[in-house]
C-alpha atoms as a PDB file:
ATOM      1  CA  MET A   1     -38.019  41.047  41.058  1.00  0.00           C
ATOM      2  CA  GLY A   2     -41.701  40.514  40.395  1.00  0.00           C
ATOM      3  CA  ARG A   3     -43.094  43.722  41.838  1.00  0.00           C
ATOM      4  CA  ASP A   4     -44.271  47.048  40.521  1.00  0.00           C
ATOM      5  CA  GLU A   5     -41.313  49.423  40.606  1.00  0.00           C
ATOM      6  CA  ASP A   6     -43.715  52.393  40.958  1.00  0.00           C
ATOM      7  CA  ASP A   7     -44.357  51.219  44.529  1.00  0.00           C
ATOM      8  CA  VAL A   8     -40.686  51.206  45.557  1.00  0.00           C
ATOM      9  CA  ILE A   9     -38.909  53.930  47.477  1.00  0.00           C
ATOM     10  CA  ILE A  10     -35.181  53.852  48.074  1.00  0.00           C
ATOM     11  CA  VAL A  11     -33.695  55.602  51.110  1.00  0.00           C
ATOM     12  CA  PRO A  12     -30.314  55.314  52.805  1.00  0.00           C
ATOM     13  CA  PHE A  13     -30.203  52.451  55.301  1.00  0.00           C
ATOM     14  CA  GLU A  14     -29.347  54.584  58.340  1.00  0.00           C
ATOM     15  CA  SER A  15     -32.055  57.177  57.640  1.00  0.00           C
ATOM     16  CA  GLY A  16     -34.717  54.662  56.685  1.00  0.00           C
ATOM     17  CA  GLY A  17     -34.015  52.339  59.582  1.00  0.00           C
ATOM     18  CA  VAL A  18     -33.980  54.952  62.306  1.00  0.00           C
ATOM     19  CA  ARG A  19     -36.492  57.506  61.038  1.00  0.00           C
ATOM     20  CA  LEU A  20     -38.997  55.320  59.198  1.00  0.00           C
ATOM     21  CA  LEU A  21     -38.801  51.938  60.925  1.00  0.00           C
ATOM     22  CA  GLY A  22     -37.431  52.863  64.350  1.00  0.00           C
ATOM     23  CA  ARG A  23     -34.635  50.284  64.376  1.00  0.00           C
ATOM     24  CA  ARG A  24     -30.914  50.228  63.697  1.00  0.00           C
ATOM     25  CA  TYR A  25     -30.565  46.719  62.286  1.00  0.00           C
ATOM     26  CA  LEU A  26     -31.316  45.036  58.987  1.00  0.00           C
ATOM     27  CA  ARG A  27     -34.217  42.599  59.244  1.00  0.00           C
ATOM     28  CA  THR A  28     -34.217  40.970  55.802  1.00  0.00           C
ATOM     29  CA  MET A  29     -32.030  40.983  52.742  1.00  0.00           C
ATOM     30  CA  THR A  30     -32.557  39.510  49.286  1.00  0.00           C
ATOM     31  CA  VAL A  31     -29.604  38.282  47.260  1.00  0.00           C
ATOM     32  CA  ALA A  32     -29.924  37.435  43.561  1.00  0.00           C
ATOM     33  CA  VAL A  33     -27.523  35.112  41.747  1.00  0.00           C
ATOM     34  CA  ALA A  34     -26.839  34.812  38.034  1.00  0.00           C
ATOM     35  CA  SER A  35     -27.636  31.109  37.725  1.00  0.00           C
ATOM     36  CA  ASP A  36     -29.069  28.253  39.772  1.00  0.00           C
ATOM     37  CA  ALA A  37     -25.642  26.640  39.944  1.00  0.00           C
ATOM     38  CA  ASP A  38     -24.356  29.583  42.019  1.00  0.00           C
ATOM     39  CA  ILE A  39     -27.027  29.406  44.747  1.00  0.00           C
ATOM     40  CA  TYR A  40     -25.167  27.245  47.240  1.00  0.00           C
ATOM     41  CA  GLN A  41     -21.855  29.034  46.743  1.00  0.00           C
ATOM     42  CA  ALA A  42     -23.510  32.430  47.257  1.00  0.00           C
ATOM     43  CA  GLN A  43     -25.402  31.113  50.287  1.00  0.00           C
ATOM     44  CA  GLN A  44     -22.147  29.875  51.839  1.00  0.00           C
ATOM     45  CA  GLN A  45     -20.388  33.175  51.143  1.00  0.00           C
ATOM     46  CA  VAL A  46     -23.208  35.181  52.747  1.00  0.00           C
ATOM     47  CA  HIS A  47     -23.184  32.817  55.744  1.00  0.00           C
ATOM     48  CA  ASP A  48     -19.424  33.155  56.170  1.00  0.00           C
ATOM     49  CA  LEU A  49     -19.546  36.951  55.910  1.00  0.00           C
ATOM     50  CA  LEU A  50     -22.374  37.311  58.443  1.00  0.00           C
ATOM     51  CA  PHE A  51     -20.739  34.860  60.845  1.00  0.00           C
ATOM     52  CA  MET A  52     -17.431  36.698  60.569  1.00  0.00           C
ATOM     53  CA  ARG A  53     -19.070  40.071  61.294  1.00  0.00           C
ATOM     54  CA  HIS A  54     -21.444  38.910  64.043  1.00  0.00           C
ATOM     55  CA  GLY A  55     -19.195  36.364  65.717  1.00  0.00           C
ATOM     56  CA  VAL A  56     -22.251  34.192  66.431  1.00  0.00           C
ATOM     57  CA  GLU A  57     -24.877  32.593  64.251  1.00  0.00           C
ATOM     58  CA  ASP A  58     -27.804  34.891  65.083  1.00  0.00           C
ATOM     59  CA  PHE A  59     -29.300  34.860  61.585  1.00  0.00           C
ATOM     60  CA  GLN A  60     -31.189  32.554  59.237  1.00  0.00           C
ATOM     61  CA  ILE A  61     -30.499  31.995  55.563  1.00  0.00           C
ATOM     62  CA  ARG A  62     -33.167  30.549  53.302  1.00  0.00           C
ATOM     63  CA  ASN A  63     -33.031  29.901  49.600  1.00  0.00           C
ATOM     64  CA  MET A  64     -35.948  29.448  47.245  1.00  0.00           C
ATOM     65  CA  GLU A  65     -35.199  25.756  46.786  1.00  0.00           C
ATOM     66  CA  SER A  66     -35.789  24.999  50.462  1.00  0.00           C
ATOM     67  CA  ILE A  67     -39.030  26.996  50.419  1.00  0.00           C
ATOM     68  CA  ILE A  68     -40.219  25.106  47.328  1.00  0.00           C
ATOM     69  CA  GLU A  69     -39.390  21.789  49.049  1.00  0.00           C
ATOM     70  CA  SER A  70     -41.472  22.779  52.081  1.00  0.00           C
ATOM     71  CA  VAL A  71     -44.433  23.775  49.935  1.00  0.00           C
ATOM     72  CA  THR A  72     -44.183  20.530  47.934  1.00  0.00           C
ATOM     73  CA  GLU A  73     -44.107  18.424  51.116  1.00  0.00           C
ATOM     74  CA  THR A  74     -47.144  20.262  52.461  1.00  0.00           C
ATOM     75  CA  GLN A  75     -48.979  19.802  49.157  1.00  0.00           C
ATOM     76  CA  ASN A  76     -48.208  16.070  49.103  1.00  0.00           C
ATOM     77  CA  THR A  77     -49.448  15.683  52.685  1.00  0.00           C
ATOM     78  CA  MET A  78     -52.680  17.509  51.865  1.00  0.00           C
ATOM     79  CA  THR A  79     -53.195  15.353  48.757  1.00  0.00           C
ATOM     80  CA  LEU A  80     -52.768  12.188  50.826  1.00  0.00           C
ATOM     81  CA  LEU A  81     -55.110  13.505  53.507  1.00  0.00           C
ATOM     82  CA  LEU A  82     -57.833  14.455  51.023  1.00  0.00           C
ATOM     83  CA  GLY A  83     -57.451  11.130  49.197  1.00  0.00           C
ATOM     84  CA  SER A  84     -57.877   9.282  52.503  1.00  0.00           C
ATOM     85  CA  ILE A  85     -60.992  11.278  53.352  1.00  0.00           C
ATOM     86  CA  ALA A  86     -62.448  10.550  49.896  1.00  0.00           C
ATOM     87  CA  ALA A  87     -61.705   6.821  50.269  1.00  0.00           C
ATOM     88  CA  ILE A  88     -63.353   6.699  53.704  1.00  0.00           C
ATOM     89  CA  SER A  89     -66.375   8.588  52.364  1.00  0.00           C
ATOM     90  CA  LEU A  90     -66.767   6.122  49.504  1.00  0.00           C
ATOM     91  CA  LEU A  91     -66.413   3.193  51.880  1.00  0.00           C
ATOM     92  CA  VAL A  92     -69.006   4.568  54.313  1.00  0.00           C
ATOM     93  CA  GLY A  93     -71.347   5.586  51.482  1.00  0.00           C
ATOM     94  CA  GLY A  94     -71.148   2.138  49.895  1.00  0.00           C
END
């Protein structure tokens, strides 16, 4: 998944959570799907499973598409801002 496997250690969840991290709950989880077409179905299945087990919606689910959208929106805003500053600078300089 884009990282050096030499830097990975695998321990049982109970032992790692309590002894290494000092907590008894899972903080993050990564789910991989076979194709892009399966993302929303997998996301819905994970949501349904967590909601069924927790009874309340006390979790967040993010997919890479939503993160990419946020980054793109931020990049477009910055481009507009820098373009405006350049236009004002040219106007003042002229």
